[in-house]
């Protein structure tokens, strides 16, 4: 099957518009329609339905999305592998967006310094997508806030990250900070459960994001509060930001996950040794209640 059929399908899914998809793919609208019809013939079912001038995926189209993305990722990786010199291959290192700020950025730089011949593909995605990538072998090593609960995957404790509640208002107590222009960062399911227990009366956040750097920039510009890593906010404490002193510190464990039968295990071990040699976030947080 022509790989471009799947690429066209995903572009139409993302844009929900034949014209915009055609523009992004440098094709005519007729060519996009023809490709989709060809793909529908191969699949044996309609992939899109039009409702009030709005394209929607059919049930078949919804089921095809993950498969199409996996095939395209595998194809791009195959092209990279073929293009590499003999005995070289691509290692995909991935994590949730917040972990790039905390650990993976430093890891990537140190891996390249210590293993310059190792080709790295760096990715960021949701925990669910990363676990799927590990199972489908499109991701070699992923850093997550929750251990992978699948027998084929191995999870290794890396280090805890200490999250403290900071606010632009030095007078705020914990309950006020959790409800006044609070920016909710997605630190995983355990964090959400702890936050809900600690602040049952908290108001909806002004912003919800998976990007800790974005949350920091937002409260620096507009004021507010957020649970952020001590290491990240330390330069701003007692200046633009203040630690909410009666707020518990919430500790989040970081896990490195990989498939037990990954053929690149030696390279994964090398990257793990780099991660474990870094001073990743075991911070000296001012004494507070930790949970």
C-alpha atoms as a PDB file:
ATOM      1  CA  UNK A   1       0.000   0.000   0.000  1.00  0.00           C
ATOM      2  CA  UNK A   2       1.190   3.505  -0.811  1.00  0.00           C
ATOM      3  CA  UNK A   3       2.329   5.127   2.445  1.00  0.00           C
ATOM      4  CA  UNK A   4       1.135   8.504   1.137  1.00  0.00           C
ATOM      5  CA  UNK A   5      -2.473   7.324   1.392  1.00  0.00           C
ATOM      6  CA  UNK A   6      -2.092   7.092   5.160  1.00  0.00           C
ATOM      7  CA  UNK A   7      -0.267  10.431   5.312  1.00  0.00           C
ATOM      8  CA  UNK A   8      -3.138  12.064   3.410  1.00  0.00           C
ATOM      9  CA  UNK A   9      -5.714  10.402   5.667  1.00  0.00           C
ATOM     10  CA  UNK A  10      -4.024  11.774   8.803  1.00  0.00           C
ATOM     11  CA  UNK A  11      -3.687  15.258   7.336  1.00  0.00           C
ATOM     12  CA  UNK A  12      -7.418  15.358   6.534  1.00  0.00           C
ATOM     13  CA  UNK A  13      -8.121  14.043  10.041  1.00  0.00           C
ATOM     14  CA  UNK A  14      -6.019  16.831  11.573  1.00  0.00           C
ATOM     15  CA  UNK A  15      -7.363  19.686   9.427  1.00  0.00           C
ATOM     16  CA  UNK A  16     -10.945  18.411   8.981  1.00  0.00           C
ATOM     17  CA  UNK A  17     -10.836  20.125   5.589  1.00  0.00           C
ATOM     18  CA  UNK A  18      -9.948  18.797   2.133  1.00  0.00           C
ATOM     19  CA  UNK A  19      -8.718  22.189   0.934  1.00  0.00           C
ATOM     20  CA  UNK A  20      -6.414  22.802   3.915  1.00  0.00           C
ATOM     21  CA  UNK A  21      -5.081  19.249   3.743  1.00  0.00           C
ATOM     22  CA  UNK A  22      -4.361  19.682   0.038  1.00  0.00           C
ATOM     23  CA  UNK A  23      -2.528  22.943   0.736  1.00  0.00           C
ATOM     24  CA  UNK A  24      -0.411  21.384   3.498  1.00  0.00           C
ATOM     25  CA  UNK A  25       0.470  18.400   1.302  1.00  0.00           C
ATOM     26  CA  UNK A  26       1.117  20.525  -1.809  1.00  0.00           C
ATOM     27  CA  UNK A  27      -1.582  18.638  -3.705  1.00  0.00           C
ATOM     28  CA  UNK A  28      -4.795  19.523  -5.486  1.00  0.00           C
ATOM     29  CA  UNK A  29      -8.058  18.965  -3.652  1.00  0.00           C
ATOM     30  CA  UNK A  30      -8.998  16.423  -6.299  1.00  0.00           C
ATOM     31  CA  UNK A  31      -5.806  14.457  -5.578  1.00  0.00           C
ATOM     32  CA  UNK A  32      -6.617  14.380  -1.847  1.00  0.00           C
ATOM     33  CA  UNK A  33     -10.147  13.116  -2.577  1.00  0.00           C
ATOM     34  CA  UNK A  34      -8.780  10.465  -4.932  1.00  0.00           C
ATOM     35  CA  UNK A  35      -6.282   9.227  -2.338  1.00  0.00           C
ATOM     36  CA  UNK A  36      -8.972   8.932   0.322  1.00  0.00           C
ATOM     37  CA  UNK A  37     -11.257   7.043  -2.041  1.00  0.00           C
ATOM     38  CA  UNK A  38      -8.401   4.663  -2.847  1.00  0.00           C
ATOM     39  CA  UNK A  39      -7.722   4.112   0.873  1.00  0.00           C
ATOM     40  CA  UNK A  40     -11.437   3.545   1.554  1.00  0.00           C
ATOM     41  CA  UNK A  41     -11.463   0.926  -1.217  1.00  0.00           C
ATOM     42  CA  UNK A  42      -8.502  -0.852   0.429  1.00  0.00           C
ATOM     43  CA  UNK A  43     -10.056  -0.677   3.908  1.00  0.00           C
ATOM     44  CA  UNK A  44     -13.509  -1.536   2.627  1.00  0.00           C
ATOM     45  CA  UNK A  45     -15.385   1.195   4.493  1.00  0.00           C
ATOM     46  CA  UNK A  46     -15.943   4.940   4.629  1.00  0.00           C
ATOM     47  CA  UNK A  47     -13.399   6.866   6.706  1.00  0.00           C
ATOM     48  CA  UNK A  48     -15.091  10.276   6.905  1.00  0.00           C
ATOM     49  CA  UNK A  49     -18.624  11.584   7.021  1.00  0.00           C
ATOM     50  CA  UNK A  50     -19.682  15.199   6.400  1.00  0.00           C
ATOM     51  CA  UNK A  51     -21.961  16.781   8.991  1.00  0.00           C
ATOM     52  CA  UNK A  52     -22.967  20.407   8.371  1.00  0.00           C
ATOM     53  CA  UNK A  53     -19.862  21.121   6.324  1.00  0.00           C
ATOM     54  CA  UNK A  54     -17.709  19.542   9.035  1.00  0.00           C
ATOM     55  CA  UNK A  55     -15.707  16.387   8.324  1.00  0.00           C
ATOM     56  CA  UNK A  56     -15.963  13.753  11.038  1.00  0.00           C
ATOM     57  CA  UNK A  57     -14.228  10.392  11.315  1.00  0.00           C
ATOM     58  CA  UNK A  58     -16.412   7.328  11.029  1.00  0.00           C
ATOM     59  CA  UNK A  59     -15.992   4.482  13.508  1.00  0.00           C
ATOM     60  CA  UNK A  60     -13.680   2.809  10.986  1.00  0.00           C
ATOM     61  CA  UNK A  61     -11.706   6.034  10.593  1.00  0.00           C
ATOM     62  CA  UNK A  62     -11.287   6.327  14.354  1.00  0.00           C
ATOM     63  CA  UNK A  63      -9.906   2.776  14.536  1.00  0.00           C
ATOM     64  CA  UNK A  64      -7.510   3.460  11.658  1.00  0.00           C
ATOM     65  CA  UNK A  65      -5.870   6.535  13.246  1.00  0.00           C
ATOM     66  CA  UNK A  66      -3.541   4.730  15.691  1.00  0.00           C
ATOM     67  CA  UNK A  67      -2.547   2.153  13.088  1.00  0.00           C
ATOM     68  CA  UNK A  68      -1.808   4.860  10.509  1.00  0.00           C
ATOM     69  CA  UNK A  69       0.323   6.833  12.971  1.00  0.00           C
ATOM     70  CA  UNK A  70       2.250   3.706  13.982  1.00  0.00           C
ATOM     71  CA  UNK A  71       2.910   2.733  10.366  1.00  0.00           C
ATOM     72  CA  UNK A  72       4.151   6.234   9.473  1.00  0.00           C
ATOM     73  CA  UNK A  73       6.443   6.393  12.515  1.00  0.00           C
ATOM     74  CA  UNK A  74       7.814   2.940  11.711  1.00  0.00           C
ATOM     75  CA  UNK A  75       8.347   3.945   8.070  1.00  0.00           C
ATOM     76  CA  UNK A  76      10.233   7.131   9.015  1.00  0.00           C
ATOM     77  CA  UNK A  77      12.365   5.129  11.414  1.00  0.00           C
ATOM     78  CA  UNK A  78      13.040   2.491   8.748  1.00  0.00           C
ATOM     79  CA  UNK A  79      14.203   5.173   6.307  1.00  0.00           C
ATOM     80  CA  UNK A  80      16.548   6.579   8.951  1.00  0.00           C
ATOM     81  CA  UNK A  81      17.938   3.127   9.765  1.00  0.00           C
ATOM     82  CA  UNK A  82      18.596   2.355   6.092  1.00  0.00           C
ATOM     83  CA  UNK A  83      20.352   5.690   5.608  1.00  0.00           C
ATOM     84  CA  UNK A  84      22.695   5.189   8.573  1.00  0.00           C
ATOM     85  CA  UNK A  85      26.194   3.828   8.318  1.00  0.00           C
ATOM     86  CA  UNK A  86      26.770   0.154   9.009  1.00  0.00           C
ATOM     87  CA  UNK A  87      26.279  -0.835  12.686  1.00  0.00           C
ATOM     88  CA  UNK A  88      24.397   2.398  13.400  1.00  0.00           C
ATOM     89  CA  UNK A  89      20.719   2.609  14.254  1.00  0.00           C
ATOM     90  CA  UNK A  90      18.181   5.056  15.671  1.00  0.00           C
ATOM     91  CA  UNK A  91      17.239   5.012  19.367  1.00  0.00           C
ATOM     92  CA  UNK A  92      13.968   6.759  20.187  1.00  0.00           C
ATOM     93  CA  UNK A  93      14.118   8.527  23.555  1.00  0.00           C
ATOM     94  CA  UNK A  94      10.788   9.910  24.691  1.00  0.00           C
ATOM     95  CA  UNK A  95       8.959  11.366  27.635  1.00  0.00           C
ATOM     96  CA  UNK A  96       6.053  13.496  28.678  1.00  0.00           C
ATOM     97  CA  UNK A  97       6.600  17.179  28.015  1.00  0.00           C
ATOM     98  CA  UNK A  98       7.258  18.040  31.677  1.00  0.00           C
ATOM     99  CA  UNK A  99      10.025  15.457  31.898  1.00  0.00           C
ATOM    100  CA  UNK A 100      11.928  17.062  29.025  1.00  0.00           C
ATOM    101  CA  UNK A 101      12.319  20.144  31.226  1.00  0.00           C
ATOM    102  CA  UNK A 102      13.266  18.101  34.287  1.00  0.00           C
ATOM    103  CA  UNK A 103      15.516  15.329  33.003  1.00  0.00           C
ATOM    104  CA  UNK A 104      15.554  14.565  29.311  1.00  0.00           C
ATOM    105  CA  UNK A 105      17.075  17.811  28.032  1.00  0.00           C
ATOM    106  CA  UNK A 106      20.210  17.243  30.111  1.00  0.00           C
ATOM    107  CA  UNK A 107      20.134  13.532  29.263  1.00  0.00           C
ATOM    108  CA  UNK A 108      20.052  14.184  25.529  1.00  0.00           C
ATOM    109  CA  UNK A 109      23.061  16.492  25.678  1.00  0.00           C
ATOM    110  CA  UNK A 110      25.125  14.150  27.838  1.00  0.00           C
ATOM    111  CA  UNK A 111      24.244  11.069  25.739  1.00  0.00           C
ATOM    112  CA  UNK A 112      25.433  12.878  22.621  1.00  0.00           C
ATOM    113  CA  UNK A 113      28.696  13.905  24.313  1.00  0.00           C
ATOM    114  CA  UNK A 114      29.412  10.391  25.595  1.00  0.00           C
ATOM    115  CA  UNK A 115      28.050   8.457  22.602  1.00  0.00           C
ATOM    116  CA  UNK A 116      28.489  10.724  19.555  1.00  0.00           C
ATOM    117  CA  UNK A 117      27.918   7.838  17.119  1.00  0.00           C
ATOM    118  CA  UNK A 118      24.505   7.027  18.577  1.00  0.00           C
ATOM    119  CA  UNK A 119      21.624   8.501  16.577  1.00  0.00           C
ATOM    120  CA  UNK A 120      18.780   9.708  18.820  1.00  0.00           C
ATOM    121  CA  UNK A 121      15.189  10.441  17.904  1.00  0.00           C
ATOM    122  CA  UNK A 122      13.654  12.671  20.612  1.00  0.00           C
ATOM    123  CA  UNK A 123       9.885  12.682  21.107  1.00  0.00           C
ATOM    124  CA  UNK A 124       7.297  14.035  23.520  1.00  0.00           C
ATOM    125  CA  UNK A 125       3.810  12.608  23.960  1.00  0.00           C
ATOM    126  CA  UNK A 126       1.175  11.560  26.469  1.00  0.00           C
ATOM    127  CA  UNK A 127       1.865   8.664  28.807  1.00  0.00           C
ATOM    128  CA  UNK A 128      -0.703   6.512  27.008  1.00  0.00           C
ATOM    129  CA  UNK A 129       0.879   7.169  23.597  1.00  0.00           C
ATOM    130  CA  UNK A 130       4.382   6.473  24.943  1.00  0.00           C
ATOM    131  CA  UNK A 131       3.353   3.142  26.429  1.00  0.00           C
ATOM    132  CA  UNK A 132       1.721   2.217  23.128  1.00  0.00           C
ATOM    133  CA  UNK A 133       4.950   3.198  21.371  1.00  0.00           C
ATOM    134  CA  UNK A 134       6.976   0.975  23.715  1.00  0.00           C
ATOM    135  CA  UNK A 135       4.717  -1.981  22.969  1.00  0.00           C
ATOM    136  CA  UNK A 136       4.836  -1.334  19.226  1.00  0.00           C
ATOM    137  CA  UNK A 137       8.645  -0.855  19.352  1.00  0.00           C
ATOM    138  CA  UNK A 138       8.438   2.679  17.892  1.00  0.00           C
ATOM    139  CA  UNK A 139       9.789   4.017  21.228  1.00  0.00           C
ATOM    140  CA  UNK A 140      12.882   2.454  22.824  1.00  0.00           C
ATOM    141  CA  UNK A 141      13.061   4.261  26.170  1.00  0.00           C
ATOM    142  CA  UNK A 142      10.419   6.433  27.801  1.00  0.00           C
ATOM    143  CA  UNK A 143      10.421   8.448  31.017  1.00  0.00           C
ATOM    144  CA  UNK A 144       7.082   8.523  32.816  1.00  0.00           C
ATOM    145  CA  UNK A 145       5.538   9.522  36.145  1.00  0.00           C
ATOM    146  CA  UNK A 146       3.781   6.164  36.532  1.00  0.00           C
ATOM    147  CA  UNK A 147       5.327   2.688  36.090  1.00  0.00           C
ATOM    148  CA  UNK A 148       4.087   0.819  33.041  1.00  0.00           C
ATOM    149  CA  UNK A 149       1.692  -1.871  34.286  1.00  0.00           C
ATOM    150  CA  UNK A 150       2.286  -4.260  31.393  1.00  0.00           C
ATOM    151  CA  UNK A 151       4.256  -7.469  31.849  1.00  0.00           C
ATOM    152  CA  UNK A 152       6.260  -6.979  28.623  1.00  0.00           C
ATOM    153  CA  UNK A 153       7.573  -3.612  29.827  1.00  0.00           C
ATOM    154  CA  UNK A 154      10.154  -3.005  32.540  1.00  0.00           C
ATOM    155  CA  UNK A 155      10.016   0.110  34.734  1.00  0.00           C
ATOM    156  CA  UNK A 156      13.015   1.362  36.705  1.00  0.00           C
ATOM    157  CA  UNK A 157      12.947   3.987  39.480  1.00  0.00           C
ATOM    158  CA  UNK A 158      15.092   6.939  38.436  1.00  0.00           C
ATOM    159  CA  UNK A 159      14.584   9.685  41.023  1.00  0.00           C
ATOM    160  CA  UNK A 160      11.852  11.629  42.795  1.00  0.00           C
ATOM    161  CA  UNK A 161      10.897  15.123  41.677  1.00  0.00           C
ATOM    162  CA  UNK A 162       9.788  17.420  44.479  1.00  0.00           C
ATOM    163  CA  UNK A 163       6.883  19.663  43.464  1.00  0.00           C
ATOM    164  CA  UNK A 164       6.234  22.750  45.568  1.00  0.00           C
ATOM    165  CA  UNK A 165       3.322  25.168  45.464  1.00  0.00           C
ATOM    166  CA  UNK A 166       4.538  28.624  44.431  1.00  0.00           C
ATOM    167  CA  UNK A 167       2.594  31.843  44.103  1.00  0.00           C
ATOM    168  CA  UNK A 168       3.218  35.358  42.861  1.00  0.00           C
ATOM    169  CA  UNK A 169       1.461  36.580  46.023  1.00  0.00           C
ATOM    170  CA  UNK A 170       3.690  36.231  49.123  1.00  0.00           C
ATOM    171  CA  UNK A 171       0.689  36.480  51.455  1.00  0.00           C
ATOM    172  CA  UNK A 172      -1.195  33.507  50.025  1.00  0.00           C
ATOM    173  CA  UNK A 173      -1.874  30.470  52.169  1.00  0.00           C
ATOM    174  CA  UNK A 174      -2.262  27.060  50.497  1.00  0.00           C
ATOM    175  CA  UNK A 175      -6.048  27.084  50.084  1.00  0.00           C
ATOM    176  CA  UNK A 176      -5.923  30.562  48.521  1.00  0.00           C
ATOM    177  CA  UNK A 177      -3.066  29.730  46.170  1.00  0.00           C
ATOM    178  CA  UNK A 178      -4.846  26.576  44.974  1.00  0.00           C
ATOM    179  CA  UNK A 179      -7.871  28.630  43.953  1.00  0.00           C
ATOM    180  CA  UNK A 180      -6.468  31.992  42.840  1.00  0.00           C
ATOM    181  CA  UNK A 181      -5.304  31.959  39.202  1.00  0.00           C
ATOM    182  CA  UNK A 182      -4.061  28.428  39.756  1.00  0.00           C
ATOM    183  CA  UNK A 183      -2.302  26.820  36.782  1.00  0.00           C
ATOM    184  CA  UNK A 184      -2.793  23.045  36.740  1.00  0.00           C
ATOM    185  CA  UNK A 185       0.165  21.107  35.358  1.00  0.00           C
ATOM    186  CA  UNK A 186      -0.423  17.477  34.415  1.00  0.00           C
ATOM    187  CA  UNK A 187       1.948  15.606  36.738  1.00  0.00           C
ATOM    188  CA  UNK A 188       0.143  12.283  36.393  1.00  0.00           C
ATOM    189  CA  UNK A 189      -2.728  10.452  38.060  1.00  0.00           C
ATOM    190  CA  UNK A 190      -1.151  10.162  41.527  1.00  0.00           C
ATOM    191  CA  UNK A 191      -0.561  13.906  41.679  1.00  0.00           C
ATOM    192  CA  UNK A 192      -4.176  14.636  40.686  1.00  0.00           C
ATOM    193  CA  UNK A 193      -5.438  12.352  43.434  1.00  0.00           C
ATOM    194  CA  UNK A 194      -3.172  13.958  46.055  1.00  0.00           C
ATOM    195  CA  UNK A 195      -4.141  17.471  44.946  1.00  0.00           C
ATOM    196  CA  UNK A 196      -7.859  16.634  45.122  1.00  0.00           C
ATOM    197  CA  UNK A 197      -7.456  15.298  48.682  1.00  0.00           C
ATOM    198  CA  UNK A 198      -5.409  18.298  49.824  1.00  0.00           C
ATOM    199  CA  UNK A 199      -7.607  20.950  48.198  1.00  0.00           C
ATOM    200  CA  UNK A 200     -11.166  19.599  47.942  1.00  0.00           C
ATOM    201  CA  UNK A 201     -12.622  23.128  47.619  1.00  0.00           C
ATOM    202  CA  UNK A 202     -10.189  24.359  44.957  1.00  0.00           C
ATOM    203  CA  UNK A 203     -11.708  26.364  42.125  1.00  0.00           C
ATOM    204  CA  UNK A 204     -11.171  25.351  38.461  1.00  0.00           C
ATOM    205  CA  UNK A 205      -7.697  26.346  37.198  1.00  0.00           C
ATOM    206  CA  UNK A 206      -7.198  29.382  35.008  1.00  0.00           C
ATOM    207  CA  UNK A 207      -4.994  27.265  32.751  1.00  0.00           C
ATOM    208  CA  UNK A 208      -4.444  23.527  32.343  1.00  0.00           C
ATOM    209  CA  UNK A 209      -1.255  22.368  30.626  1.00  0.00           C
ATOM    210  CA  UNK A 210       1.187  19.481  30.327  1.00  0.00           C
ATOM    211  CA  UNK A 211       4.049  21.959  29.834  1.00  0.00           C
ATOM    212  CA  UNK A 212       5.684  22.973  33.118  1.00  0.00           C
ATOM    213  CA  UNK A 213       7.764  25.660  31.393  1.00  0.00           C
ATOM    214  CA  UNK A 214       4.595  27.188  29.963  1.00  0.00           C
ATOM    215  CA  UNK A 215       3.005  27.224  33.442  1.00  0.00           C
ATOM    216  CA  UNK A 216       6.063  28.969  34.893  1.00  0.00           C
ATOM    217  CA  UNK A 217       6.111  31.619  32.165  1.00  0.00           C
ATOM    218  CA  UNK A 218       2.369  32.183  32.575  1.00  0.00           C
ATOM    219  CA  UNK A 219       2.458  32.912  36.305  1.00  0.00           C
ATOM    220  CA  UNK A 220       5.577  35.062  35.901  1.00  0.00           C
ATOM    221  CA  UNK A 221       3.721  37.195  33.337  1.00  0.00           C
ATOM    222  CA  UNK A 222       0.180  37.226  34.730  1.00  0.00           C
ATOM    223  CA  UNK A 223       0.527  36.199  38.368  1.00  0.00           C
ATOM    224  CA  UNK A 224      -0.993  33.122  39.943  1.00  0.00           C
ATOM    225  CA  UNK A 225       0.188  29.854  41.413  1.00  0.00           C
ATOM    226  CA  UNK A 226       1.214  26.356  40.384  1.00  0.00           C
ATOM    227  CA  UNK A 227       2.858  23.186  41.640  1.00  0.00           C
ATOM    228  CA  UNK A 228       6.291  23.183  39.997  1.00  0.00           C
ATOM    229  CA  UNK A 229       9.661  21.469  40.575  1.00  0.00           C
ATOM    230  CA  UNK A 230      11.835  23.206  43.147  1.00  0.00           C
ATOM    231  CA  UNK A 231      14.794  23.028  40.776  1.00  0.00           C
ATOM    232  CA  UNK A 232      12.848  24.932  38.115  1.00  0.00           C
ATOM    233  CA  UNK A 233      11.546  27.748  40.328  1.00  0.00           C
ATOM    234  CA  UNK A 234      14.525  28.197  42.668  1.00  0.00           C
ATOM    235  CA  UNK A 235      15.983  31.168  40.682  1.00  0.00           C
ATOM    236  CA  UNK A 236      12.688  33.061  41.093  1.00  0.00           C
ATOM    237  CA  UNK A 237      11.990  32.385  44.783  1.00  0.00           C
ATOM    238  CA  UNK A 238      11.722  35.455  47.008  1.00  0.00           C
ATOM    239  CA  UNK A 239      11.731  37.562  43.838  1.00  0.00           C
ATOM    240  CA  UNK A 240       8.847  37.083  41.399  1.00  0.00           C
ATOM    241  CA  UNK A 241       7.610  33.910  43.141  1.00  0.00           C
ATOM    242  CA  UNK A 242       7.204  32.686  46.701  1.00  0.00           C
ATOM    243  CA  UNK A 243       6.882  29.204  48.140  1.00  0.00           C
ATOM    244  CA  UNK A 244       3.524  28.819  49.859  1.00  0.00           C
ATOM    245  CA  UNK A 245       4.923  27.811  53.216  1.00  0.00           C
ATOM    246  CA  UNK A 246       1.985  25.813  54.620  1.00  0.00           C
ATOM    247  CA  UNK A 247       1.475  23.851  51.389  1.00  0.00           C
ATOM    248  CA  UNK A 248       2.633  20.212  51.365  1.00  0.00           C
ATOM    249  CA  UNK A 249       5.429  19.238  49.000  1.00  0.00           C
ATOM    250  CA  UNK A 250       4.213  16.528  46.619  1.00  0.00           C
ATOM    251  CA  UNK A 251       6.888  14.074  45.550  1.00  0.00           C
ATOM    252  CA  UNK A 252       6.575  12.413  42.147  1.00  0.00           C
ATOM    253  CA  UNK A 253       8.687   9.399  41.230  1.00  0.00           C
ATOM    254  CA  UNK A 254      10.217   9.277  37.754  1.00  0.00           C
ATOM    255  CA  UNK A 255      10.376   5.925  35.950  1.00  0.00           C
ATOM    256  CA  UNK A 256      12.348   4.804  32.906  1.00  0.00           C
ATOM    257  CA  UNK A 257      10.424   2.226  30.869  1.00  0.00           C
ATOM    258  CA  UNK A 258      11.463  -0.046  28.012  1.00  0.00           C
ATOM    259  CA  UNK A 259      10.376  -3.280  26.348  1.00  0.00           C
ATOM    260  CA  UNK A 260      12.051  -6.350  27.823  1.00  0.00           C
ATOM    261  CA  UNK A 261      12.718  -7.782  24.346  1.00  0.00           C
ATOM    262  CA  UNK A 262      14.031  -4.595  22.736  1.00  0.00           C
ATOM    263  CA  UNK A 263      16.896  -5.539  20.400  1.00  0.00           C
ATOM    264  CA  UNK A 264      18.759  -2.306  21.251  1.00  0.00           C
ATOM    265  CA  UNK A 265      19.073  -3.190  24.941  1.00  0.00           C
ATOM    266  CA  UNK A 266      22.808  -2.325  25.135  1.00  0.00           C
ATOM    267  CA  UNK A 267      22.129   1.205  23.884  1.00  0.00           C
ATOM    268  CA  UNK A 268      19.201   1.519  26.289  1.00  0.00           C
ATOM    269  CA  UNK A 269      21.515   0.508  29.141  1.00  0.00           C
ATOM    270  CA  UNK A 270      24.005   3.182  28.052  1.00  0.00           C
ATOM    271  CA  UNK A 271      21.307   5.864  28.104  1.00  0.00           C
ATOM    272  CA  UNK A 272      20.026   4.638  31.478  1.00  0.00           C
ATOM    273  CA  UNK A 273      23.517   4.908  32.939  1.00  0.00           C
ATOM    274  CA  UNK A 274      23.683   8.511  31.724  1.00  0.00           C
ATOM    275  CA  UNK A 275      20.295   9.321  33.270  1.00  0.00           C
ATOM    276  CA  UNK A 276      21.272   7.725  36.584  1.00  0.00           C
ATOM    277  CA  UNK A 277      24.577   9.608  36.638  1.00  0.00           C
ATOM    278  CA  UNK A 278      22.849  12.970  36.303  1.00  0.00           C
ATOM    279  CA  UNK A 279      21.879  14.891  39.390  1.00  0.00           C
ATOM    280  CA  UNK A 280      18.232  14.577  38.495  1.00  0.00           C
ATOM    281  CA  UNK A 281      15.797  16.189  40.648  1.00  0.00           C
ATOM    282  CA  UNK A 282      16.477  15.124  44.186  1.00  0.00           C
ATOM    283  CA  UNK A 283      16.187  18.666  45.477  1.00  0.00           C
ATOM    284  CA  UNK A 284      17.001  20.176  48.802  1.00  0.00           C
ATOM    285  CA  UNK A 285      13.527  21.560  49.381  1.00  0.00           C
ATOM    286  CA  UNK A 286      12.955  23.792  52.390  1.00  0.00           C
ATOM    287  CA  UNK A 287      11.447  21.729  55.166  1.00  0.00           C
ATOM    288  CA  UNK A 288       7.748  21.195  54.590  1.00  0.00           C
ATOM    289  CA  UNK A 289       5.289  18.350  54.844  1.00  0.00           C
ATOM    290  CA  UNK A 290       6.025  15.833  52.079  1.00  0.00           C
ATOM    291  CA  UNK A 291       3.527  13.320  50.713  1.00  0.00           C
END
